[in-house]
């Protein structure tokens, strides 16, 4: 018997809702899990990222557990390559707080992208120096994760120092701990130059990263005037079939998280993915 498709969503894609309203919506769409960036969904409960307490974690963790929803990714999206050492230290401290409290949330994986060595896009992100800063920061994060028995999830993204599957694979090779895993978002690997060869890009990512992929982010994209734009799942150009084949046959029960899909499109996107999953 084939494993079912396990879909979740980023909690903050519903906006800022009272907790009972959020859990009701998750139930309505039959999401089994979420990515929770608690400071984005409930900013009043998290005045600062490093100010999270075990009580805050237990409160939200228990609420989602009672609603039958797992926290697949505890989101702590910080700039781990910030050029200002003080800001970089603050980012790593915030991430460490999330690692320490992950179990109180009922989560085992804390996720982030790598950030930028400048303000937003900069060609300096594509240098060996920027990649080496990723390595130094992630080594520290993984050492902390090992202490608490939880996992660091790193997400590659175009315009970041970690912007290809090859670089993500190199990072895994340099830090061979099982407490480091990949959050794979193939839309994040698309550029105006490579999207026409996206089957090769996706295939390479799945091959190189393989069983070190903890979770998949599912979002879609279009290209306008040479620029990548993000759109709801099923409304763009991404080839989801190879991802769903991977989920169905190579990694049964792996969690997929809808991203950047507003609620108006959510049911249509769920139906689209389920239909494709059944077909592959």
C-alpha atoms as a PDB file:
ATOM      1  CA  UNK A   1       0.000   0.000   0.000  1.00  0.00           C
ATOM      2  CA  UNK A   2       1.350   3.422  -0.988  1.00  0.00           C
ATOM      3  CA  UNK A   3       2.156   5.939   1.755  1.00  0.00           C
ATOM      4  CA  UNK A   4      -0.220   8.913   1.874  1.00  0.00           C
ATOM      5  CA  UNK A   5       0.908  12.412   0.930  1.00  0.00           C
ATOM      6  CA  UNK A   6       1.729  14.351   4.099  1.00  0.00           C
ATOM      7  CA  UNK A   7       1.115  18.058   3.586  1.00  0.00           C
ATOM      8  CA  UNK A   8       1.618  20.928   5.969  1.00  0.00           C
ATOM      9  CA  UNK A   9       1.895  24.697   5.736  1.00  0.00           C
ATOM     10  CA  UNK A  10       3.846  27.610   7.140  1.00  0.00           C
ATOM     11  CA  UNK A  11       1.645  28.871   9.964  1.00  0.00           C
ATOM     12  CA  UNK A  12       2.342  32.526   9.126  1.00  0.00           C
ATOM     13  CA  UNK A  13       0.946  32.045   5.608  1.00  0.00           C
ATOM     14  CA  UNK A  14      -2.438  32.369   7.370  1.00  0.00           C
ATOM     15  CA  UNK A  15      -1.332  35.731   8.753  1.00  0.00           C
ATOM     16  CA  UNK A  16      -1.498  36.588  12.437  1.00  0.00           C
ATOM     17  CA  UNK A  17      -4.453  34.739  13.903  1.00  0.00           C
ATOM     18  CA  UNK A  18      -5.454  33.895  17.466  1.00  0.00           C
ATOM     19  CA  UNK A  19      -4.206  30.397  18.274  1.00  0.00           C
ATOM     20  CA  UNK A  20      -7.683  28.732  18.306  1.00  0.00           C
ATOM     21  CA  UNK A  21      -8.464  30.232  14.864  1.00  0.00           C
ATOM     22  CA  UNK A  22      -5.160  28.997  13.469  1.00  0.00           C
ATOM     23  CA  UNK A  23      -5.621  25.438  14.737  1.00  0.00           C
ATOM     24  CA  UNK A  24      -9.190  25.432  13.371  1.00  0.00           C
ATOM     25  CA  UNK A  25      -7.911  26.385   9.914  1.00  0.00           C
ATOM     26  CA  UNK A  26      -5.189  23.737  10.036  1.00  0.00           C
ATOM     27  CA  UNK A  27      -7.871  21.182  10.866  1.00  0.00           C
ATOM     28  CA  UNK A  28     -10.144  22.424   8.090  1.00  0.00           C
ATOM     29  CA  UNK A  29      -7.434  21.901   5.468  1.00  0.00           C
ATOM     30  CA  UNK A  30      -6.339  18.626   7.091  1.00  0.00           C
ATOM     31  CA  UNK A  31      -2.751  19.741   7.504  1.00  0.00           C
ATOM     32  CA  UNK A  32      -0.883  17.203   9.610  1.00  0.00           C
ATOM     33  CA  UNK A  33       2.058  19.481  10.381  1.00  0.00           C
ATOM     34  CA  UNK A  34       3.299  23.057  10.227  1.00  0.00           C
ATOM     35  CA  UNK A  35       6.383  25.165  10.029  1.00  0.00           C
ATOM     36  CA  UNK A  36       6.124  27.509  12.986  1.00  0.00           C
ATOM     37  CA  UNK A  37       8.099  30.755  13.118  1.00  0.00           C
ATOM     38  CA  UNK A  38       6.520  31.725  16.408  1.00  0.00           C
ATOM     39  CA  UNK A  39       7.729  35.347  16.248  1.00  0.00           C
ATOM     40  CA  UNK A  40       5.992  35.773  12.864  1.00  0.00           C
ATOM     41  CA  UNK A  41       2.671  34.193  13.868  1.00  0.00           C
ATOM     42  CA  UNK A  42       2.529  35.400  17.483  1.00  0.00           C
ATOM     43  CA  UNK A  43       4.846  38.418  17.802  1.00  0.00           C
ATOM     44  CA  UNK A  44       3.254  39.523  21.071  1.00  0.00           C
ATOM     45  CA  UNK A  45       4.421  36.250  22.660  1.00  0.00           C
ATOM     46  CA  UNK A  46       7.991  36.679  21.404  1.00  0.00           C
ATOM     47  CA  UNK A  47       9.193  40.247  21.983  1.00  0.00           C
ATOM     48  CA  UNK A  48      12.698  39.121  20.946  1.00  0.00           C
ATOM     49  CA  UNK A  49      13.903  35.904  19.321  1.00  0.00           C
ATOM     50  CA  UNK A  50      16.320  35.150  22.136  1.00  0.00           C
ATOM     51  CA  UNK A  51      13.628  35.918  24.759  1.00  0.00           C
ATOM     52  CA  UNK A  52      11.712  32.683  24.209  1.00  0.00           C
ATOM     53  CA  UNK A  53      11.109  30.800  27.444  1.00  0.00           C
ATOM     54  CA  UNK A  54      10.380  27.117  28.109  1.00  0.00           C
ATOM     55  CA  UNK A  55       6.891  28.237  29.113  1.00  0.00           C
ATOM     56  CA  UNK A  56       6.266  29.884  25.735  1.00  0.00           C
ATOM     57  CA  UNK A  57       7.475  26.754  23.973  1.00  0.00           C
ATOM     58  CA  UNK A  58       5.364  24.439  26.127  1.00  0.00           C
ATOM     59  CA  UNK A  59       2.248  26.601  25.655  1.00  0.00           C
ATOM     60  CA  UNK A  60       2.383  26.531  21.859  1.00  0.00           C
ATOM     61  CA  UNK A  61       3.677  22.987  21.668  1.00  0.00           C
ATOM     62  CA  UNK A  62       0.817  21.647  23.765  1.00  0.00           C
ATOM     63  CA  UNK A  63      -1.812  23.631  21.804  1.00  0.00           C
ATOM     64  CA  UNK A  64      -0.674  22.187  18.488  1.00  0.00           C
ATOM     65  CA  UNK A  65      -0.319  18.688  19.948  1.00  0.00           C
ATOM     66  CA  UNK A  66      -3.911  18.795  21.214  1.00  0.00           C
ATOM     67  CA  UNK A  67      -5.009  19.953  17.744  1.00  0.00           C
ATOM     68  CA  UNK A  68      -3.292  16.911  16.226  1.00  0.00           C
ATOM     69  CA  UNK A  69      -0.673  19.030  14.437  1.00  0.00           C
ATOM     70  CA  UNK A  70       3.059  18.382  14.596  1.00  0.00           C
ATOM     71  CA  UNK A  71       5.669  21.139  14.329  1.00  0.00           C
ATOM     72  CA  UNK A  72       7.768  19.730  11.495  1.00  0.00           C
ATOM     73  CA  UNK A  73      10.043  22.782  11.370  1.00  0.00           C
ATOM     74  CA  UNK A  74      10.580  25.317  14.098  1.00  0.00           C
ATOM     75  CA  UNK A  75      11.464  28.336  11.983  1.00  0.00           C
ATOM     76  CA  UNK A  76      14.209  30.673  13.175  1.00  0.00           C
ATOM     77  CA  UNK A  77      15.115  32.612  10.044  1.00  0.00           C
ATOM     78  CA  UNK A  78      18.184  34.639  10.966  1.00  0.00           C
ATOM     79  CA  UNK A  79      21.181  35.959   9.060  1.00  0.00           C
ATOM     80  CA  UNK A  80      23.967  33.560  10.016  1.00  0.00           C
ATOM     81  CA  UNK A  81      26.467  35.345   7.737  1.00  0.00           C
ATOM     82  CA  UNK A  82      25.743  38.938   8.798  1.00  0.00           C
ATOM     83  CA  UNK A  83      28.907  40.977   8.171  1.00  0.00           C
ATOM     84  CA  UNK A  84      28.591  42.729  11.552  1.00  0.00           C
ATOM     85  CA  UNK A  85      30.033  40.257  14.118  1.00  0.00           C
ATOM     86  CA  UNK A  86      27.631  41.492  16.821  1.00  0.00           C
ATOM     87  CA  UNK A  87      24.599  40.919  14.588  1.00  0.00           C
ATOM     88  CA  UNK A  88      25.925  37.507  13.565  1.00  0.00           C
ATOM     89  CA  UNK A  89      26.415  36.574  17.217  1.00  0.00           C
ATOM     90  CA  UNK A  90      22.862  37.702  18.034  1.00  0.00           C
ATOM     91  CA  UNK A  91      21.531  35.593  15.151  1.00  0.00           C
ATOM     92  CA  UNK A  92      23.383  32.503  16.367  1.00  0.00           C
ATOM     93  CA  UNK A  93      22.206  33.136  19.937  1.00  0.00           C
ATOM     94  CA  UNK A  94      18.595  33.301  18.754  1.00  0.00           C
ATOM     95  CA  UNK A  95      19.049  30.063  16.829  1.00  0.00           C
ATOM     96  CA  UNK A  96      20.617  28.414  19.892  1.00  0.00           C
ATOM     97  CA  UNK A  97      17.593  29.427  21.963  1.00  0.00           C
ATOM     98  CA  UNK A  98      15.322  27.691  19.460  1.00  0.00           C
ATOM     99  CA  UNK A  99      17.522  24.576  19.504  1.00  0.00           C
ATOM    100  CA  UNK A 100      17.405  24.462  23.295  1.00  0.00           C
ATOM    101  CA  UNK A 101      13.615  24.810  23.385  1.00  0.00           C
ATOM    102  CA  UNK A 102      12.752  22.690  20.333  1.00  0.00           C
ATOM    103  CA  UNK A 103      11.748  19.691  22.465  1.00  0.00           C
ATOM    104  CA  UNK A 104       9.454  21.893  24.568  1.00  0.00           C
ATOM    105  CA  UNK A 105       7.723  22.841  21.326  1.00  0.00           C
ATOM    106  CA  UNK A 106       7.506  19.164  20.360  1.00  0.00           C
ATOM    107  CA  UNK A 107       9.791  19.817  17.378  1.00  0.00           C
ATOM    108  CA  UNK A 108      13.011  18.072  16.437  1.00  0.00           C
ATOM    109  CA  UNK A 109      14.219  20.336  13.614  1.00  0.00           C
ATOM    110  CA  UNK A 110      15.037  24.061  13.676  1.00  0.00           C
ATOM    111  CA  UNK A 111      15.299  25.661  10.241  1.00  0.00           C
ATOM    112  CA  UNK A 112      16.876  28.711   8.641  1.00  0.00           C
ATOM    113  CA  UNK A 113      18.281  30.000   5.380  1.00  0.00           C
ATOM    114  CA  UNK A 114      21.830  31.316   5.373  1.00  0.00           C
ATOM    115  CA  UNK A 115      21.048  35.004   4.902  1.00  0.00           C
ATOM    116  CA  UNK A 116      23.278  37.502   3.130  1.00  0.00           C
ATOM    117  CA  UNK A 117      26.705  39.037   3.647  1.00  0.00           C
ATOM    118  CA  UNK A 118      25.202  42.376   2.553  1.00  0.00           C
ATOM    119  CA  UNK A 119      21.782  44.024   2.512  1.00  0.00           C
ATOM    120  CA  UNK A 120      19.668  41.685   0.404  1.00  0.00           C
ATOM    121  CA  UNK A 121      21.154  40.697  -2.936  1.00  0.00           C
ATOM    122  CA  UNK A 122      24.895  41.182  -3.380  1.00  0.00           C
ATOM    123  CA  UNK A 123      27.393  39.437  -5.688  1.00  0.00           C
ATOM    124  CA  UNK A 124      29.552  38.979  -2.570  1.00  0.00           C
ATOM    125  CA  UNK A 125      27.192  36.143  -1.575  1.00  0.00           C
ATOM    126  CA  UNK A 126      28.680  34.067  -4.400  1.00  0.00           C
ATOM    127  CA  UNK A 127      32.253  34.153  -3.087  1.00  0.00           C
ATOM    128  CA  UNK A 128      34.220  31.374  -1.419  1.00  0.00           C
ATOM    129  CA  UNK A 129      34.610  33.672   1.592  1.00  0.00           C
ATOM    130  CA  UNK A 130      30.822  33.884   2.013  1.00  0.00           C
ATOM    131  CA  UNK A 131      30.498  30.099   1.794  1.00  0.00           C
ATOM    132  CA  UNK A 132      33.230  29.640   4.392  1.00  0.00           C
ATOM    133  CA  UNK A 133      31.319  31.944   6.750  1.00  0.00           C
ATOM    134  CA  UNK A 134      28.297  29.661   6.297  1.00  0.00           C
ATOM    135  CA  UNK A 135      30.487  26.698   7.259  1.00  0.00           C
ATOM    136  CA  UNK A 136      31.785  28.398  10.421  1.00  0.00           C
ATOM    137  CA  UNK A 137      28.287  29.412  11.563  1.00  0.00           C
ATOM    138  CA  UNK A 138      26.660  26.076  10.738  1.00  0.00           C
ATOM    139  CA  UNK A 139      29.427  24.182  12.550  1.00  0.00           C
ATOM    140  CA  UNK A 140      28.618  26.153  15.699  1.00  0.00           C
ATOM    141  CA  UNK A 141      24.874  25.580  15.233  1.00  0.00           C
ATOM    142  CA  UNK A 142      25.310  21.847  14.702  1.00  0.00           C
ATOM    143  CA  UNK A 143      27.560  21.505  17.766  1.00  0.00           C
ATOM    144  CA  UNK A 144      24.759  23.097  19.807  1.00  0.00           C
ATOM    145  CA  UNK A 145      22.121  20.889  18.157  1.00  0.00           C
ATOM    146  CA  UNK A 146      24.131  17.790  19.070  1.00  0.00           C
ATOM    147  CA  UNK A 147      24.126  18.862  22.732  1.00  0.00           C
ATOM    148  CA  UNK A 148      20.323  19.023  22.765  1.00  0.00           C
ATOM    149  CA  UNK A 149      19.636  16.032  20.528  1.00  0.00           C
ATOM    150  CA  UNK A 150      17.870  18.073  17.849  1.00  0.00           C
ATOM    151  CA  UNK A 151      18.560  18.857  14.192  1.00  0.00           C
ATOM    152  CA  UNK A 152      19.575  21.935  12.207  1.00  0.00           C
ATOM    153  CA  UNK A 153      17.713  22.313   8.906  1.00  0.00           C
ATOM    154  CA  UNK A 154      19.467  24.505   6.336  1.00  0.00           C
ATOM    155  CA  UNK A 155      17.648  25.813   3.266  1.00  0.00           C
ATOM    156  CA  UNK A 156      19.482  26.858   0.113  1.00  0.00           C
ATOM    157  CA  UNK A 157      18.266  29.858  -1.854  1.00  0.00           C
ATOM    158  CA  UNK A 158      19.257  31.827  -4.919  1.00  0.00           C
ATOM    159  CA  UNK A 159      21.114  35.033  -3.968  1.00  0.00           C
ATOM    160  CA  UNK A 160      22.318  33.425  -0.713  1.00  0.00           C
ATOM    161  CA  UNK A 161      25.834  32.078  -0.093  1.00  0.00           C
ATOM    162  CA  UNK A 162      24.225  28.621  -0.202  1.00  0.00           C
ATOM    163  CA  UNK A 163      22.484  28.911  -3.574  1.00  0.00           C
ATOM    164  CA  UNK A 164      22.876  25.541  -5.307  1.00  0.00           C
ATOM    165  CA  UNK A 165      22.419  21.876  -4.485  1.00  0.00           C
ATOM    166  CA  UNK A 166      26.151  21.412  -5.106  1.00  0.00           C
ATOM    167  CA  UNK A 167      27.022  23.906  -2.369  1.00  0.00           C
ATOM    168  CA  UNK A 168      24.496  22.319   0.002  1.00  0.00           C
ATOM    169  CA  UNK A 169      26.126  18.948  -0.694  1.00  0.00           C
ATOM    170  CA  UNK A 170      29.555  20.458  -0.057  1.00  0.00           C
ATOM    171  CA  UNK A 171      28.315  21.833   3.278  1.00  0.00           C
ATOM    172  CA  UNK A 172      27.045  18.377   4.258  1.00  0.00           C
ATOM    173  CA  UNK A 173      30.424  16.889   3.310  1.00  0.00           C
ATOM    174  CA  UNK A 174      32.307  19.424   5.439  1.00  0.00           C
ATOM    175  CA  UNK A 175      29.973  18.930   8.422  1.00  0.00           C
ATOM    176  CA  UNK A 176      29.208  15.201   8.341  1.00  0.00           C
ATOM    177  CA  UNK A 177      26.936  15.243  11.408  1.00  0.00           C
ATOM    178  CA  UNK A 178      23.479  13.685  11.147  1.00  0.00           C
ATOM    179  CA  UNK A 179      22.299  16.642  13.220  1.00  0.00           C
ATOM    180  CA  UNK A 180      22.577  18.684  10.013  1.00  0.00           C
ATOM    181  CA  UNK A 181      19.861  18.136   7.417  1.00  0.00           C
ATOM    182  CA  UNK A 182      18.531  19.996   4.377  1.00  0.00           C
ATOM    183  CA  UNK A 183      15.188  21.711   3.874  1.00  0.00           C
ATOM    184  CA  UNK A 184      14.800  21.418   0.097  1.00  0.00           C
ATOM    185  CA  UNK A 185      12.897  24.122  -1.763  1.00  0.00           C
ATOM    186  CA  UNK A 186      13.414  23.599  -5.482  1.00  0.00           C
ATOM    187  CA  UNK A 187      11.733  26.888  -6.394  1.00  0.00           C
ATOM    188  CA  UNK A 188      14.595  28.511  -4.452  1.00  0.00           C
ATOM    189  CA  UNK A 189      17.078  26.944  -6.880  1.00  0.00           C
ATOM    190  CA  UNK A 190      15.453  28.387 -10.007  1.00  0.00           C
ATOM    191  CA  UNK A 191      16.913  31.269 -11.973  1.00  0.00           C
ATOM    192  CA  UNK A 192      15.946  32.930 -15.230  1.00  0.00           C
ATOM    193  CA  UNK A 193      18.929  31.096 -16.734  1.00  0.00           C
ATOM    194  CA  UNK A 194      18.264  27.553 -15.508  1.00  0.00           C
ATOM    195  CA  UNK A 195      14.506  27.126 -15.164  1.00  0.00           C
ATOM    196  CA  UNK A 196      14.158  25.629 -18.650  1.00  0.00           C
ATOM    197  CA  UNK A 197      16.504  22.862 -17.461  1.00  0.00           C
ATOM    198  CA  UNK A 198      14.674  22.497 -14.167  1.00  0.00           C
ATOM    199  CA  UNK A 199      14.228  18.722 -14.423  1.00  0.00           C
ATOM    200  CA  UNK A 200      18.022  18.407 -14.381  1.00  0.00           C
ATOM    201  CA  UNK A 201      18.311  20.904 -11.488  1.00  0.00           C
ATOM    202  CA  UNK A 202      15.652  19.092  -9.442  1.00  0.00           C
ATOM    203  CA  UNK A 203      17.062  15.663 -10.293  1.00  0.00           C
ATOM    204  CA  UNK A 204      20.550  16.726  -9.257  1.00  0.00           C
ATOM    205  CA  UNK A 205      19.277  18.161  -5.958  1.00  0.00           C
ATOM    206  CA  UNK A 206      17.415  14.962  -5.090  1.00  0.00           C
ATOM    207  CA  UNK A 207      20.407  12.836  -6.091  1.00  0.00           C
ATOM    208  CA  UNK A 208      23.063  14.882  -4.283  1.00  0.00           C
ATOM    209  CA  UNK A 209      21.111  15.551  -1.103  1.00  0.00           C
ATOM    210  CA  UNK A 210      19.184  12.279  -1.008  1.00  0.00           C
ATOM    211  CA  UNK A 211      18.511  11.032   2.478  1.00  0.00           C
ATOM    212  CA  UNK A 212      19.863  14.205   4.092  1.00  0.00           C
ATOM    213  CA  UNK A 213      16.660  15.995   3.024  1.00  0.00           C
ATOM    214  CA  UNK A 214      14.505  16.287   6.146  1.00  0.00           C
ATOM    215  CA  UNK A 215      11.549  18.230   4.733  1.00  0.00           C
ATOM    216  CA  UNK A 216      10.438  19.631   1.379  1.00  0.00           C
ATOM    217  CA  UNK A 217       9.118  23.148   0.891  1.00  0.00           C
ATOM    218  CA  UNK A 218       6.536  23.252  -1.883  1.00  0.00           C
ATOM    219  CA  UNK A 219       6.113  26.553  -3.680  1.00  0.00           C
ATOM    220  CA  UNK A 220       5.820  27.676  -7.297  1.00  0.00           C
ATOM    221  CA  UNK A 221       7.327  30.355  -9.515  1.00  0.00           C
ATOM    222  CA  UNK A 222       6.952  32.262 -12.767  1.00  0.00           C
ATOM    223  CA  UNK A 223       9.458  34.278 -14.805  1.00  0.00           C
ATOM    224  CA  UNK A 224       8.626  37.846 -15.829  1.00  0.00           C
ATOM    225  CA  UNK A 225      11.102  40.161 -17.559  1.00  0.00           C
ATOM    226  CA  UNK A 226      13.929  37.869 -16.570  1.00  0.00           C
ATOM    227  CA  UNK A 227      12.933  37.884 -12.898  1.00  0.00           C
ATOM    228  CA  UNK A 228      11.721  34.941 -10.805  1.00  0.00           C
ATOM    229  CA  UNK A 229       8.397  35.601  -9.083  1.00  0.00           C
ATOM    230  CA  UNK A 230       6.778  33.342  -6.488  1.00  0.00           C
ATOM    231  CA  UNK A 231       3.166  32.246  -7.052  1.00  0.00           C
ATOM    232  CA  UNK A 232       0.755  29.787  -5.378  1.00  0.00           C
ATOM    233  CA  UNK A 233       1.452  26.081  -5.874  1.00  0.00           C
ATOM    234  CA  UNK A 234       0.059  24.883  -9.198  1.00  0.00           C
ATOM    235  CA  UNK A 235      -0.116  28.376 -10.685  1.00  0.00           C
ATOM    236  CA  UNK A 236       3.407  28.510 -12.082  1.00  0.00           C
ATOM    237  CA  UNK A 237       6.159  26.676 -13.915  1.00  0.00           C
ATOM    238  CA  UNK A 238       7.664  24.316 -11.328  1.00  0.00           C
ATOM    239  CA  UNK A 239       7.635  20.628 -12.256  1.00  0.00           C
ATOM    240  CA  UNK A 240       6.272  19.000  -9.107  1.00  0.00           C
ATOM    241  CA  UNK A 241       6.115  15.432 -10.474  1.00  0.00           C
ATOM    242  CA  UNK A 242       9.750  14.490  -9.648  1.00  0.00           C
ATOM    243  CA  UNK A 243       9.352  15.880  -6.129  1.00  0.00           C
ATOM    244  CA  UNK A 244       6.173  13.919  -5.565  1.00  0.00           C
ATOM    245  CA  UNK A 245       7.771  10.762  -6.969  1.00  0.00           C
ATOM    246  CA  UNK A 246      10.613  11.223  -4.488  1.00  0.00           C
ATOM    247  CA  UNK A 247       8.100  11.693  -1.661  1.00  0.00           C
ATOM    248  CA  UNK A 248       6.031   8.690  -2.707  1.00  0.00           C
ATOM    249  CA  UNK A 249       8.684   6.098  -3.548  1.00  0.00           C
ATOM    250  CA  UNK A 250      12.080   7.160  -2.193  1.00  0.00           C
ATOM    251  CA  UNK A 251      11.060   8.769   1.124  1.00  0.00           C
ATOM    252  CA  UNK A 252       7.548   7.589   2.047  1.00  0.00           C
ATOM    253  CA  UNK A 253       5.878   9.756   4.716  1.00  0.00           C
ATOM    254  CA  UNK A 254       8.366  12.642   4.316  1.00  0.00           C
ATOM    255  CA  UNK A 255       6.686  15.930   5.167  1.00  0.00           C
ATOM    256  CA  UNK A 256       5.948  18.561   2.517  1.00  0.00           C
ATOM    257  CA  UNK A 257       5.219  22.141   3.551  1.00  0.00           C
ATOM    258  CA  UNK A 258       3.196  24.489   1.352  1.00  0.00           C
ATOM    259  CA  UNK A 259       4.798  27.895   1.160  1.00  0.00           C
ATOM    260  CA  UNK A 260       3.766  31.285  -0.247  1.00  0.00           C
ATOM    261  CA  UNK A 261       0.290  29.992  -1.074  1.00  0.00           C
ATOM    262  CA  UNK A 262      -2.410  32.384   0.208  1.00  0.00           C
ATOM    263  CA  UNK A 263      -5.530  30.886   1.706  1.00  0.00           C
ATOM    264  CA  UNK A 264      -7.639  31.780  -1.343  1.00  0.00           C
ATOM    265  CA  UNK A 265      -5.506  29.322  -3.333  1.00  0.00           C
ATOM    266  CA  UNK A 266      -4.817  26.788  -0.613  1.00  0.00           C
ATOM    267  CA  UNK A 267      -7.474  24.177  -1.319  1.00  0.00           C
ATOM    268  CA  UNK A 268      -6.765  24.317  -5.043  1.00  0.00           C
ATOM    269  CA  UNK A 269      -3.053  23.824  -4.389  1.00  0.00           C
ATOM    270  CA  UNK A 270      -3.716  20.896  -2.050  1.00  0.00           C
ATOM    271  CA  UNK A 271      -5.981  19.262  -4.645  1.00  0.00           C
ATOM    272  CA  UNK A 272      -3.395  19.856  -7.376  1.00  0.00           C
ATOM    273  CA  UNK A 273      -0.616  18.171  -5.370  1.00  0.00           C
ATOM    274  CA  UNK A 274      -2.803  15.267  -4.277  1.00  0.00           C
ATOM    275  CA  UNK A 275      -3.967  14.625  -7.847  1.00  0.00           C
ATOM    276  CA  UNK A 276      -0.380  14.635  -9.101  1.00  0.00           C
ATOM    277  CA  UNK A 277       0.768  12.446  -6.204  1.00  0.00           C
ATOM    278  CA  UNK A 278      -1.900   9.891  -7.075  1.00  0.00           C
ATOM    279  CA  UNK A 279      -0.788   9.920 -10.729  1.00  0.00           C
ATOM    280  CA  UNK A 280       2.987   9.596 -10.370  1.00  0.00           C
END
